[in-house]
Amino acid sequence: MMKTNFQNMSYIWKKSLGYIFSGVSVLFILFLNIAQASEPKPWQMDLQEPAGIIATKATDLHNFLLVVITLISVFVLGLLVYVCIKFREKPNVKPSKTSHHTLIEIIWTVVPVLILVVIAVPSFKLLYLTEADKPVDMVVKVSGAQWYWNYEYPDEDVAFDSYIIAEEDLKDNQKRMLDVDNPLVVPEGTKIKFLVTGNDVMHSFFVPSLALQVYSIAGRVNEIWTEIPMGKKKYYGQCNQICGVNHAYMPIVIQALPKNEYNEWLKEAKVKFAKNTLKEINKYALLEKKEVKEIK
């Protein structure tokens, strides 16, 4: 009987260890996929791979704050466990009559202030970096509408609309719910200022890997800048401001190209989008394309 029980326990332990090993293996594989990610991935648990100086510094600050909050949480948990054990109810225990402790009150006032000061220094540096008026290489105007994006290159007299590619029209290597017919094409290694406005309701121009997030509001122009790193690459984003029934169908794609390829694209764009003049682009998009392109 004892032998049978031992065999049963051994079988249960082996089975449990097998489940644990399988779970750890899956998590390890997911971690490897996330570590190499530069775009949204299924079951992604971490930030996207940062691109550019702003995204890199924002990710570093996030990781630093994660360490700080973890240490605080562990300390508070340990303190609670200690108090629960030390001061648990016992028979015939005379309770402490202490009501004030000057040293402890100084510590729990000064230490949080010091922690906030330590957090404030890198936070203010990052805030200054994002808000300061830095010299840029080009300017792009972004207009949000229900439910697409309009991009204008004021220095090049080029403007066009960017719509999601319907699932039935996807081609090889195009991503469902993320790829668009006309991505925002920019040259690599460029600092870009985005002038963001809106045509109707509030939208949000959000590209996490470039640390871009700014609201698109009708009648107002918001500014944000970023640095496009070297390398031919696509950066994916989406509107993350609930803007109506087709809110999920206005993704953002920024395509970084080498400068020679960008110049070739620009020549073709001036011909392809010639009818979309800067003065008429919004009117054309709203009156002509909205009914045709809107996803039902």
Protein backbone atom coordinates (compact mmCIF):
# COMPACT_ATOMS: atom_id res chain seq x y z
CA MET A 1 0.00 0.00 0.00
CA MET A 2 2.82 2.37 0.94
CA LYS A 3 4.64 1.44 -2.27
CA THR A 4 1.56 2.28 -4.33
CA ASN A 5 1.19 5.67 -2.65
CA PHE A 6 4.85 6.42 -3.27
CA GLN A 7 4.46 5.52 -6.97
CA ASN A 8 1.40 7.75 -7.25
CA MET A 9 3.22 10.66 -5.61
CA SER A 10 6.22 10.14 -7.86
CA TYR A 11 3.98 10.14 -10.94
CA ILE A 12 2.23 13.35 -9.84
CA TRP A 13 5.57 15.09 -9.21
CA LYS A 14 6.95 14.03 -12.59
CA LYS A 15 3.79 15.24 -14.32
CA SER A 16 3.90 18.57 -12.47
CA LEU A 17 7.56 19.07 -13.35
CA GLY A 18 6.72 18.36 -16.98
CA TYR A 19 4.04 21.06 -16.98
CA ILE A 20 6.41 23.52 -15.32
CA PHE A 21 9.18 22.78 -17.84
CA SER A 22 6.75 23.22 -20.75
CA GLY A 23 5.51 26.53 -19.37
CA VAL A 24 9.03 27.86 -18.85
CA SER A 25 9.97 26.79 -22.38
CA VAL A 26 7.00 28.65 -23.88
CA LEU A 27 7.81 31.78 -21.87
CA PHE A 28 11.45 31.56 -23.00
CA ILE A 29 10.44 31.33 -26.65
CA LEU A 30 8.05 34.26 -26.25
CA PHE A 31 10.81 36.28 -24.61
CA LEU A 32 13.15 35.62 -27.53
CA ASN A 33 10.49 36.74 -30.00
CA ILE A 34 9.80 39.89 -28.00
CA ALA A 35 13.48 40.75 -27.66
CA GLN A 36 13.82 40.81 -31.46
CA ALA A 37 10.54 42.60 -32.09
CA SER A 38 10.34 45.98 -33.81
CA GLU A 39 6.59 45.77 -34.37
CA PRO A 40 3.59 44.39 -32.47
CA LYS A 41 3.80 40.65 -31.83
CA PRO A 42 1.13 38.19 -30.62
CA TRP A 43 1.20 37.86 -26.82
CA GLN A 44 3.84 40.59 -26.54
CA MET A 45 4.55 41.38 -22.88
CA ASP A 46 7.13 44.17 -23.15
CA LEU A 47 7.65 47.44 -24.97
CA GLN A 48 8.50 47.41 -28.64
CA GLU A 49 12.17 47.65 -29.55
CA PRO A 50 13.05 51.38 -29.25
CA ALA A 51 14.24 53.28 -32.33
CA GLY A 52 15.86 56.70 -32.08
CA ILE A 53 17.19 58.69 -29.15
CA ILE A 54 13.81 59.61 -27.64
CA ALA A 55 12.45 56.05 -27.68
CA THR A 56 15.73 54.70 -26.27
CA LYS A 57 15.77 57.16 -23.37
CA ALA A 58 12.06 56.59 -22.68
CA THR A 59 12.64 52.82 -22.55
CA ASP A 60 15.63 53.28 -20.22
CA LEU A 61 13.48 55.43 -17.91
CA HIS A 62 10.71 52.83 -17.99
CA ASN A 63 13.14 50.04 -17.04
CA PHE A 64 14.63 52.15 -14.25
CA LEU A 65 11.19 52.92 -12.81
CA LEU A 66 10.28 49.24 -13.02
CA VAL A 67 13.27 48.42 -10.79
CA VAL A 68 12.36 51.19 -8.34
CA ILE A 69 8.71 50.18 -8.01
CA THR A 70 9.67 46.50 -7.67
CA LEU A 71 12.05 47.27 -4.80
CA ILE A 72 9.39 49.41 -3.09
CA SER A 73 6.76 46.68 -3.51
CA VAL A 74 9.07 43.99 -2.13
CA PHE A 75 10.00 46.18 0.85
CA VAL A 76 6.34 46.95 1.67
CA LEU A 77 5.40 43.27 1.29
CA GLY A 78 8.24 42.24 3.60
CA LEU A 79 7.21 44.88 6.13
CA LEU A 80 3.61 43.64 6.09
CA VAL A 81 4.70 40.03 6.58
CA TYR A 82 6.98 41.05 9.46
CA VAL A 83 4.22 43.04 11.17
CA CYS A 84 1.68 40.23 10.71
CA ILE A 85 4.03 37.70 12.30
CA LYS A 86 5.52 39.82 15.07
CA PHE A 87 2.27 41.43 16.20
CA ARG A 88 -0.12 38.55 15.65
CA GLU A 89 -2.62 37.88 18.42
CA LYS A 90 -1.23 35.89 21.35
CA PRO A 91 -2.70 35.16 24.79
CA ASN A 92 -1.58 37.37 27.71
CA VAL A 93 0.56 39.71 25.55
CA LYS A 94 0.90 43.23 26.79
CA PRO A 95 0.54 45.58 23.81
CA SER A 96 2.99 48.41 23.19
CA LYS A 97 1.79 51.86 24.26
CA THR A 98 4.09 53.68 21.79
CA SER A 99 2.14 56.26 19.77
CA HIS A 100 4.95 58.30 18.17
CA HIS A 101 8.45 57.59 16.97
CA THR A 102 10.35 60.64 15.75
CA LEU A 103 13.05 58.76 13.83
CA ILE A 104 10.56 56.57 11.95
CA GLU A 105 8.41 59.59 11.02
CA ILE A 106 11.48 61.41 9.67
CA ILE A 107 12.51 58.35 7.66
CA TRP A 108 9.09 57.76 6.06
CA THR A 109 8.97 61.44 5.08
CA VAL A 110 12.52 61.93 3.81
CA VAL A 111 12.99 58.62 1.95
CA PRO A 112 9.96 59.07 -0.40
CA VAL A 113 11.12 62.62 -1.16
CA LEU A 114 14.58 61.32 -2.08
CA ILE A 115 13.06 58.63 -4.28
CA LEU A 116 10.97 61.24 -6.11
CA VAL A 117 14.04 63.44 -6.62
CA VAL A 118 15.95 60.48 -8.09
CA ILE A 119 13.04 59.78 -10.46
CA ALA A 120 12.58 63.45 -11.37
CA VAL A 121 16.09 63.96 -12.74
CA PRO A 122 15.86 61.54 -15.72
CA SER A 123 12.17 62.41 -16.17
CA PHE A 124 12.90 66.13 -16.62
CA LYS A 125 15.79 65.35 -18.97
CA LEU A 126 13.50 63.25 -21.17
CA LEU A 127 10.74 65.88 -21.02
CA TYR A 128 13.17 68.60 -22.10
CA LEU A 129 14.45 66.41 -24.93
CA THR A 130 10.94 65.86 -26.29
CA GLU A 131 9.65 69.41 -25.81
CA ALA A 132 12.71 71.49 -26.74
CA ASP A 133 12.67 73.09 -30.19
CA LYS A 134 15.40 71.03 -31.85
CA PRO A 135 16.73 71.65 -35.39
CA VAL A 136 15.09 69.17 -37.76
CA ASP A 137 15.76 68.00 -41.30
CA MET A 138 12.17 67.94 -42.56
CA VAL A 139 8.58 68.70 -41.58
CA VAL A 140 5.54 66.51 -42.14
CA LYS A 141 1.95 67.55 -41.52
CA VAL A 142 -0.36 64.81 -40.27
CA SER A 143 -4.15 65.13 -40.32
CA GLY A 144 -6.42 62.59 -38.66
CA ALA A 145 -9.88 61.91 -40.07
CA GLN A 146 -12.62 59.32 -39.74
CA TRP A 147 -11.01 56.90 -40.47
CA TYR A 148 -7.70 57.42 -42.24
CA TRP A 149 -4.62 59.63 -42.13
CA ASN A 150 -3.58 62.40 -44.47
CA TYR A 151 0.13 63.22 -44.86
CA GLU A 152 1.53 66.41 -46.34
CA TYR A 153 5.12 67.30 -47.19
CA PRO A 154 4.94 71.12 -47.20
CA ASP A 155 8.44 71.58 -48.67
CA GLU A 156 7.74 69.16 -51.52
CA ASP A 157 4.09 70.00 -52.33
CA VAL A 158 3.10 66.36 -51.88
CA ALA A 159 0.01 65.18 -50.02
CA PHE A 160 -1.87 61.88 -49.91
CA ASP A 161 -4.25 59.78 -47.83
CA SER A 162 -3.33 56.57 -46.05
CA TYR A 163 -5.98 53.86 -45.63
CA ILE A 164 -5.84 50.41 -44.11
CA ILE A 165 -5.55 47.52 -46.56
CA ALA A 166 -8.63 45.34 -46.38
CA GLU A 167 -8.01 41.76 -45.29
CA GLU A 168 -9.05 40.30 -48.64
CA ASP A 169 -6.56 42.59 -50.45
CA LEU A 170 -3.50 41.69 -48.38
CA LYS A 171 -0.42 40.52 -50.29
CA ASP A 172 2.68 38.63 -49.20
CA ASN A 173 4.34 39.96 -46.02
CA GLN A 174 1.57 42.52 -45.45
CA LYS A 175 0.17 42.52 -41.93
CA ARG A 176 -3.52 42.29 -41.17
CA MET A 177 -4.91 45.42 -39.44
CA LEU A 178 -1.53 47.17 -39.68
CA ASP A 179 -0.46 47.71 -43.29
CA VAL A 180 -1.76 50.61 -45.39
CA ASP A 181 -2.01 51.47 -49.07
CA ASN A 182 0.21 54.58 -48.80
CA PRO A 183 2.72 54.58 -45.93
CA LEU A 184 4.43 57.72 -44.70
CA VAL A 185 7.82 57.49 -46.43
CA VAL A 186 10.81 59.24 -44.86
CA PRO A 187 14.59 59.11 -45.35
CA GLU A 188 16.69 57.18 -42.83
CA GLY A 189 18.89 59.04 -40.36
CA THR A 190 16.54 62.05 -40.32
CA LYS A 191 15.13 64.26 -37.59
CA ILE A 192 11.50 65.00 -38.40
CA LYS A 193 9.01 67.43 -36.91
CA PHE A 194 5.37 66.33 -37.14
CA LEU A 195 2.63 68.95 -37.20
CA VAL A 196 -0.48 67.04 -36.15
CA THR A 197 -4.04 68.27 -36.56
CA GLY A 198 -7.49 66.82 -37.20
CA ASN A 199 -10.46 67.08 -39.55
CA ASP A 200 -13.26 65.95 -37.25
CA VAL A 201 -13.12 64.11 -33.91
CA MET A 202 -10.04 63.58 -31.75
CA HIS A 203 -7.49 61.01 -32.95
CA SER A 204 -4.05 60.03 -31.68
CA PHE A 205 -0.92 59.69 -33.81
CA PHE A 206 0.80 56.82 -32.00
CA VAL A 207 3.95 54.97 -33.12
CA PRO A 208 5.36 53.24 -30.01
CA SER A 209 8.74 52.15 -31.38
CA LEU A 210 9.56 55.80 -32.20
CA ALA A 211 8.01 57.12 -28.96
CA LEU A 212 5.49 59.15 -30.96
CA GLN A 213 2.14 59.94 -29.37
CA VAL A 214 0.30 63.19 -29.92
CA TYR A 215 -3.38 64.04 -30.20
CA SER A 216 -4.95 65.06 -33.49
CA ILE A 217 -7.47 67.80 -32.70
CA ALA A 218 -9.49 69.81 -35.22
CA GLY A 219 -8.59 73.51 -35.18
CA ARG A 220 -5.33 72.96 -33.34
CA VAL A 221 -1.81 72.02 -34.43
CA ASN A 222 0.31 69.94 -32.03
CA GLU A 223 4.02 69.46 -32.56
CA ILE A 224 6.27 66.49 -31.88
CA TRP A 225 9.64 65.44 -33.25
CA THR A 226 11.54 62.19 -33.53
CA GLU A 227 14.71 60.77 -34.98
CA ILE A 228 14.48 58.09 -37.66
CA PRO A 229 17.47 55.75 -37.19
CA MET A 230 19.62 54.47 -40.02
CA GLY A 231 18.32 51.40 -41.76
CA LYS A 232 15.51 50.50 -44.15
CA LYS A 233 12.63 49.62 -41.89
CA LYS A 234 8.89 49.92 -41.26
CA TYR A 235 7.50 51.36 -38.04
CA TYR A 236 3.92 50.43 -37.21
CA GLY A 237 1.42 52.34 -35.11
CA GLN A 238 -2.30 52.91 -34.67
CA CYS A 239 -4.74 55.53 -33.51
CA ASN A 240 -5.19 54.81 -29.79
CA GLN A 241 -7.86 57.43 -29.15
CA ILE A 242 -11.35 55.95 -29.46
CA CYS A 243 -12.65 57.95 -32.42
CA GLY A 244 -15.72 56.14 -33.66
CA VAL A 245 -17.00 52.89 -35.12
CA ASN A 246 -13.93 52.35 -37.37
CA HIS A 247 -11.39 53.43 -34.77
CA ALA A 248 -9.51 50.13 -35.15
CA TYR A 249 -9.08 50.63 -38.90
CA MET A 250 -6.69 53.59 -39.11
CA PRO A 251 -3.17 52.17 -38.64
CA ILE A 252 0.04 54.13 -39.18
CA VAL A 253 3.02 52.93 -41.20
CA ILE A 254 6.24 54.94 -41.38
CA GLN A 255 8.58 53.54 -44.02
CA ALA A 256 12.24 54.56 -43.62
CA LEU A 257 14.27 54.34 -46.84
CA PRO A 258 17.86 55.11 -47.81
CA LYS A 259 18.09 58.64 -49.16
CA ASN A 260 18.58 57.58 -52.78
CA GLU A 261 15.47 55.36 -52.61
CA TYR A 262 13.55 58.13 -50.85
CA ASN A 263 14.43 60.57 -53.63
CA GLU A 264 13.19 58.07 -56.22
CA TRP A 265 9.97 57.59 -54.27
CA LEU A 266 9.53 61.37 -54.01
CA LYS A 267 9.77 61.76 -57.78
CA GLU A 268 7.11 59.10 -58.28
CA ALA A 269 4.93 60.56 -55.52
CA LYS A 270 4.89 63.99 -57.15
CA VAL A 271 3.39 62.34 -60.22
CA LYS A 272 1.16 59.82 -58.45
CA PHE A 273 -0.39 62.34 -56.07
CA ALA A 274 -0.31 65.33 -58.42
CA LYS A 275 -4.10 65.82 -58.27
CA ASN A 276 -4.03 65.95 -54.47
CA THR A 277 -2.89 69.54 -54.12
CA LEU A 278 -2.31 70.89 -50.63
CA LYS A 279 -5.29 73.21 -50.86
CA GLU A 280 -7.76 70.56 -51.99
CA ILE A 281 -6.50 67.40 -50.35
CA ASN A 282 -8.76 67.42 -47.29
CA LYS A 283 -11.84 68.35 -49.29
CA TYR A 284 -11.09 65.65 -51.85
CA ALA A 285 -10.51 63.04 -49.17
CA LEU A 286 -13.62 63.84 -47.17
CA LEU A 287 -16.03 64.13 -50.09
CA GLU A 288 -14.67 61.52 -52.48
CA LYS A 289 -12.86 58.84 -50.51
CA LYS A 290 -14.74 58.63 -47.27
CA GLU A 291 -17.70 56.70 -48.64
CA VAL A 292 -15.55 54.50 -50.86
CA LYS A 293 -12.82 53.58 -48.37
CA GLU A 294 -14.76 53.47 -45.11
CA ILE A 295 -14.76 49.96 -43.68
CA LYS A 296 -18.22 48.83 -42.72
